[in-house]
């Protein structure tokens, strides 16, 4: 089961990034061209939030099964000094949860606005901030927080 979830997690991480980038693109294009917020824009908003929530659910299950995370929480005093264990046990999950909150709030606020210009602006701002937070939460090879090679 963990292997299946890991595979789904890998697929959905790319879907999250693709839908978020596409949502930001649609929002920027609509905002600057003063377009009307159509069914496609609303679907992009909705499906981006849905994909993110599915990824969060899978991620929480994998987080609870992770050996690094289990080590971090059972040996907190020693593990907090380990940069990689602290990143995966605490920082990564916090940043991802924060990004999901931003996406959820941005989606909900955009849904409730009546002016198309405001819908695009809200999506653009909230989704962009969430994408920035996600980029911080990724263990890039050059990251000072924790790093992994591009290909394992």
C-alpha atoms as a PDB file:
ATOM      1  CA  UNK A   1       0.000   0.000   0.000  1.00  0.00           C
ATOM      2  CA  UNK A   2       2.813   2.423   0.837  1.00  0.00           C
ATOM      3  CA  UNK A   3       4.363   1.849  -2.612  1.00  0.00           C
ATOM      4  CA  UNK A   4       1.064   2.651  -4.311  1.00  0.00           C
ATOM      5  CA  UNK A   5       0.653   5.806  -2.231  1.00  0.00           C
ATOM      6  CA  UNK A   6       4.242   6.810  -2.953  1.00  0.00           C
ATOM      7  CA  UNK A   7       3.587   6.449  -6.680  1.00  0.00           C
ATOM      8  CA  UNK A   8       0.345   8.464  -6.397  1.00  0.00           C
ATOM      9  CA  UNK A   9       2.202  11.087  -4.365  1.00  0.00           C
ATOM     10  CA  UNK A  10       4.833  11.369  -7.106  1.00  0.00           C
ATOM     11  CA  UNK A  11       2.211  11.766  -9.815  1.00  0.00           C
ATOM     12  CA  UNK A  12       0.109  14.235  -7.858  1.00  0.00           C
ATOM     13  CA  UNK A  13       3.072  16.453  -6.959  1.00  0.00           C
ATOM     14  CA  UNK A  14       3.484  17.183 -10.657  1.00  0.00           C
ATOM     15  CA  UNK A  15      -0.259  17.667 -11.070  1.00  0.00           C
ATOM     16  CA  UNK A  16      -0.213  20.147  -8.189  1.00  0.00           C
ATOM     17  CA  UNK A  17       2.610  22.139  -9.748  1.00  0.00           C
ATOM     18  CA  UNK A  18       1.098  22.008 -13.247  1.00  0.00           C
ATOM     19  CA  UNK A  19      -2.396  23.016 -12.127  1.00  0.00           C
ATOM     20  CA  UNK A  20      -1.056  25.756  -9.866  1.00  0.00           C
ATOM     21  CA  UNK A  21       1.164  27.212 -12.584  1.00  0.00           C
ATOM     22  CA  UNK A  22      -1.676  26.986 -15.087  1.00  0.00           C
ATOM     23  CA  UNK A  23      -4.059  28.631 -12.603  1.00  0.00           C
ATOM     24  CA  UNK A  24      -1.580  31.462 -12.033  1.00  0.00           C
ATOM     25  CA  UNK A  25      -1.153  31.846 -15.797  1.00  0.00           C
ATOM     26  CA  UNK A  26      -4.937  31.978 -16.372  1.00  0.00           C
ATOM     27  CA  UNK A  27      -5.378  34.440 -13.504  1.00  0.00           C
ATOM     28  CA  UNK A  28      -2.592  36.740 -14.731  1.00  0.00           C
ATOM     29  CA  UNK A  29      -3.857  36.626 -18.299  1.00  0.00           C
ATOM     30  CA  UNK A  30      -7.442  37.335 -17.206  1.00  0.00           C
ATOM     31  CA  UNK A  31      -6.413  40.061 -14.778  1.00  0.00           C
ATOM     32  CA  UNK A  32      -4.255  42.012 -17.217  1.00  0.00           C
ATOM     33  CA  UNK A  33      -6.519  41.561 -20.238  1.00  0.00           C
ATOM     34  CA  UNK A  34      -9.624  42.337 -18.152  1.00  0.00           C
ATOM     35  CA  UNK A  35     -11.317  39.164 -19.388  1.00  0.00           C
ATOM     36  CA  UNK A  36     -14.470  37.688 -17.962  1.00  0.00           C
ATOM     37  CA  UNK A  37     -14.075  34.897 -15.417  1.00  0.00           C
ATOM     38  CA  UNK A  38     -15.550  32.015 -17.390  1.00  0.00           C
ATOM     39  CA  UNK A  39     -16.348  28.373 -16.757  1.00  0.00           C
ATOM     40  CA  UNK A  40     -12.810  27.298 -17.678  1.00  0.00           C
ATOM     41  CA  UNK A  41     -11.301  29.729 -15.166  1.00  0.00           C
ATOM     42  CA  UNK A  42     -13.687  28.531 -12.474  1.00  0.00           C
ATOM     43  CA  UNK A  43     -12.865  24.899 -13.305  1.00  0.00           C
ATOM     44  CA  UNK A  44      -9.128  25.620 -13.095  1.00  0.00           C
ATOM     45  CA  UNK A  45      -9.666  27.269  -9.696  1.00  0.00           C
ATOM     46  CA  UNK A  46     -11.763  24.373  -8.446  1.00  0.00           C
ATOM     47  CA  UNK A  47      -9.580  21.547  -9.790  1.00  0.00           C
ATOM     48  CA  UNK A  48      -6.378  23.149  -8.556  1.00  0.00           C
ATOM     49  CA  UNK A  49      -7.777  23.216  -5.014  1.00  0.00           C
ATOM     50  CA  UNK A  50      -9.113  19.664  -5.382  1.00  0.00           C
ATOM     51  CA  UNK A  51      -5.798  18.261  -6.643  1.00  0.00           C
ATOM     52  CA  UNK A  52      -3.959  20.022  -3.815  1.00  0.00           C
ATOM     53  CA  UNK A  53      -6.305  18.518  -1.224  1.00  0.00           C
ATOM     54  CA  UNK A  54      -5.894  15.022  -2.665  1.00  0.00           C
ATOM     55  CA  UNK A  55      -2.112  15.459  -2.560  1.00  0.00           C
ATOM     56  CA  UNK A  56      -2.351  16.676   1.035  1.00  0.00           C
ATOM     57  CA  UNK A  57      -4.334  13.591   2.046  1.00  0.00           C
ATOM     58  CA  UNK A  58      -1.817  11.238   0.419  1.00  0.00           C
ATOM     59  CA  UNK A  59       1.067  13.233   1.893  1.00  0.00           C
ATOM     60  CA  UNK A  60      -0.296  13.059   5.438  1.00  0.00           C
ATOM     61  CA  UNK A  61      -0.634   9.275   5.200  1.00  0.00           C
ATOM     62  CA  UNK A  62       2.934   8.968   3.898  1.00  0.00           C
ATOM     63  CA  UNK A  63       4.162  11.435   6.531  1.00  0.00           C
ATOM     64  CA  UNK A  64       2.734   9.248   9.278  1.00  0.00           C
ATOM     65  CA  UNK A  65       4.488   6.181   7.812  1.00  0.00           C
ATOM     66  CA  UNK A  66       7.890   7.810   7.191  1.00  0.00           C
ATOM     67  CA  UNK A  67      10.815   6.365   9.122  1.00  0.00           C
ATOM     68  CA  UNK A  68      12.557   9.750   9.152  1.00  0.00           C
ATOM     69  CA  UNK A  69       9.472  11.378  10.669  1.00  0.00           C
ATOM     70  CA  UNK A  70       9.050   8.591  13.230  1.00  0.00           C
ATOM     71  CA  UNK A  71      12.704   8.985  14.212  1.00  0.00           C
ATOM     72  CA  UNK A  72      12.265  12.754  14.450  1.00  0.00           C
ATOM     73  CA  UNK A  73       9.305  12.589  16.827  1.00  0.00           C
ATOM     74  CA  UNK A  74      10.603   9.721  19.006  1.00  0.00           C
ATOM     75  CA  UNK A  75      14.098  11.250  19.356  1.00  0.00           C
ATOM     76  CA  UNK A  76      13.117  14.912  19.217  1.00  0.00           C
ATOM     77  CA  UNK A  77      16.023  16.364  21.235  1.00  0.00           C
ATOM     78  CA  UNK A  78      18.661  14.609  19.163  1.00  0.00           C
ATOM     79  CA  UNK A  79      16.787  14.851  15.863  1.00  0.00           C
ATOM     80  CA  UNK A  80      16.162  18.588  16.073  1.00  0.00           C
ATOM     81  CA  UNK A  81      19.905  19.104  15.637  1.00  0.00           C
ATOM     82  CA  UNK A  82      19.854  17.047  12.422  1.00  0.00           C
ATOM     83  CA  UNK A  83      19.085  19.394   9.531  1.00  0.00           C
ATOM     84  CA  UNK A  84      17.495  16.753   7.269  1.00  0.00           C
ATOM     85  CA  UNK A  85      15.375  15.190  10.018  1.00  0.00           C
ATOM     86  CA  UNK A  86      14.133  18.616  11.122  1.00  0.00           C
ATOM     87  CA  UNK A  87      13.284  19.569   7.565  1.00  0.00           C
ATOM     88  CA  UNK A  88      11.251  16.442   6.819  1.00  0.00           C
ATOM     89  CA  UNK A  89       9.808  16.047  10.305  1.00  0.00           C
ATOM     90  CA  UNK A  90       8.717  19.635  10.856  1.00  0.00           C
ATOM     91  CA  UNK A  91       9.548  22.291   8.260  1.00  0.00           C
ATOM     92  CA  UNK A  92       8.317  20.507   5.125  1.00  0.00           C
ATOM     93  CA  UNK A  93       4.934  19.558   6.556  1.00  0.00           C
ATOM     94  CA  UNK A  94       4.429  23.033   8.045  1.00  0.00           C
ATOM     95  CA  UNK A  95       5.232  24.803   4.771  1.00  0.00           C
ATOM     96  CA  UNK A  96       3.059  22.453   2.719  1.00  0.00           C
ATOM     97  CA  UNK A  97       0.137  22.898   5.125  1.00  0.00           C
ATOM     98  CA  UNK A  98       0.608  26.661   4.877  1.00  0.00           C
ATOM     99  CA  UNK A  99       0.594  26.493   1.064  1.00  0.00           C
ATOM    100  CA  UNK A 100      -2.590  24.385   1.104  1.00  0.00           C
ATOM    101  CA  UNK A 101      -4.226  26.940   3.390  1.00  0.00           C
ATOM    102  CA  UNK A 102      -3.282  29.736   0.967  1.00  0.00           C
ATOM    103  CA  UNK A 103      -4.675  27.805  -2.008  1.00  0.00           C
ATOM    104  CA  UNK A 104      -7.880  26.978  -0.130  1.00  0.00           C
ATOM    105  CA  UNK A 105      -8.430  30.560   1.002  1.00  0.00           C
ATOM    106  CA  UNK A 106      -7.607  31.930  -2.446  1.00  0.00           C
ATOM    107  CA  UNK A 107     -10.004  29.514  -4.108  1.00  0.00           C
ATOM    108  CA  UNK A 108     -12.798  30.250  -1.633  1.00  0.00           C
ATOM    109  CA  UNK A 109     -12.355  34.025  -1.852  1.00  0.00           C
ATOM    110  CA  UNK A 110     -12.261  33.971  -5.657  1.00  0.00           C
ATOM    111  CA  UNK A 111     -15.392  31.838  -5.748  1.00  0.00           C
ATOM    112  CA  UNK A 112     -17.310  34.329  -3.598  1.00  0.00           C
ATOM    113  CA  UNK A 113     -16.336  37.544  -5.417  1.00  0.00           C
ATOM    114  CA  UNK A 114     -18.744  38.935  -7.972  1.00  0.00           C
ATOM    115  CA  UNK A 115     -16.368  41.072 -10.052  1.00  0.00           C
ATOM    116  CA  UNK A 116     -14.312  39.084 -12.557  1.00  0.00           C
ATOM    117  CA  UNK A 117     -11.304  41.383 -12.123  1.00  0.00           C
ATOM    118  CA  UNK A 118     -11.283  40.653  -8.363  1.00  0.00           C
ATOM    119  CA  UNK A 119     -11.581  36.888  -8.921  1.00  0.00           C
ATOM    120  CA  UNK A 120      -8.512  36.904 -11.156  1.00  0.00           C
ATOM    121  CA  UNK A 121      -6.567  39.134  -8.759  1.00  0.00           C
ATOM    122  CA  UNK A 122      -7.322  36.951  -5.746  1.00  0.00           C
ATOM    123  CA  UNK A 123      -6.370  33.771  -7.600  1.00  0.00           C
ATOM    124  CA  UNK A 124      -3.186  35.380  -8.886  1.00  0.00           C
ATOM    125  CA  UNK A 125      -2.024  36.599  -5.489  1.00  0.00           C
ATOM    126  CA  UNK A 126      -3.002  33.645  -3.287  1.00  0.00           C
ATOM    127  CA  UNK A 127      -1.916  30.941  -5.744  1.00  0.00           C
ATOM    128  CA  UNK A 128       1.407  32.717  -6.416  1.00  0.00           C
ATOM    129  CA  UNK A 129       2.206  32.970  -2.705  1.00  0.00           C
ATOM    130  CA  UNK A 130       1.324  29.287  -2.294  1.00  0.00           C
ATOM    131  CA  UNK A 131       3.603  28.327  -5.197  1.00  0.00           C
ATOM    132  CA  UNK A 132       6.439  30.334  -3.658  1.00  0.00           C
ATOM    133  CA  UNK A 133       5.954  28.526  -0.325  1.00  0.00           C
ATOM    134  CA  UNK A 134       5.911  25.158  -2.117  1.00  0.00           C
ATOM    135  CA  UNK A 135       9.195  26.019  -3.843  1.00  0.00           C
ATOM    136  CA  UNK A 136      10.726  26.724  -0.418  1.00  0.00           C
ATOM    137  CA  UNK A 137       9.392  23.381   0.880  1.00  0.00           C
ATOM    138  CA  UNK A 138      11.061  21.366  -1.892  1.00  0.00           C
ATOM    139  CA  UNK A 139      14.381  19.774  -0.847  1.00  0.00           C
ATOM    140  CA  UNK A 140      16.351  21.159  -3.807  1.00  0.00           C
ATOM    141  CA  UNK A 141      19.976  20.029  -4.245  1.00  0.00           C
ATOM    142  CA  UNK A 142      21.067  23.622  -3.487  1.00  0.00           C
ATOM    143  CA  UNK A 143      18.705  24.203  -0.534  1.00  0.00           C
ATOM    144  CA  UNK A 144      20.261  25.214   2.790  1.00  0.00           C
ATOM    145  CA  UNK A 145      17.335  23.553   4.653  1.00  0.00           C
ATOM    146  CA  UNK A 146      17.694  20.021   3.284  1.00  0.00           C
ATOM    147  CA  UNK A 147      18.789  18.698  -0.037  1.00  0.00           C
ATOM    148  CA  UNK A 148      18.329  15.739  -2.269  1.00  0.00           C
ATOM    149  CA  UNK A 149      19.747  15.084  -5.716  1.00  0.00           C
ATOM    150  CA  UNK A 150      17.527  15.808  -8.706  1.00  0.00           C
ATOM    151  CA  UNK A 151      17.445  12.100  -9.561  1.00  0.00           C
ATOM    152  CA  UNK A 152      17.622   9.377  -6.917  1.00  0.00           C
END
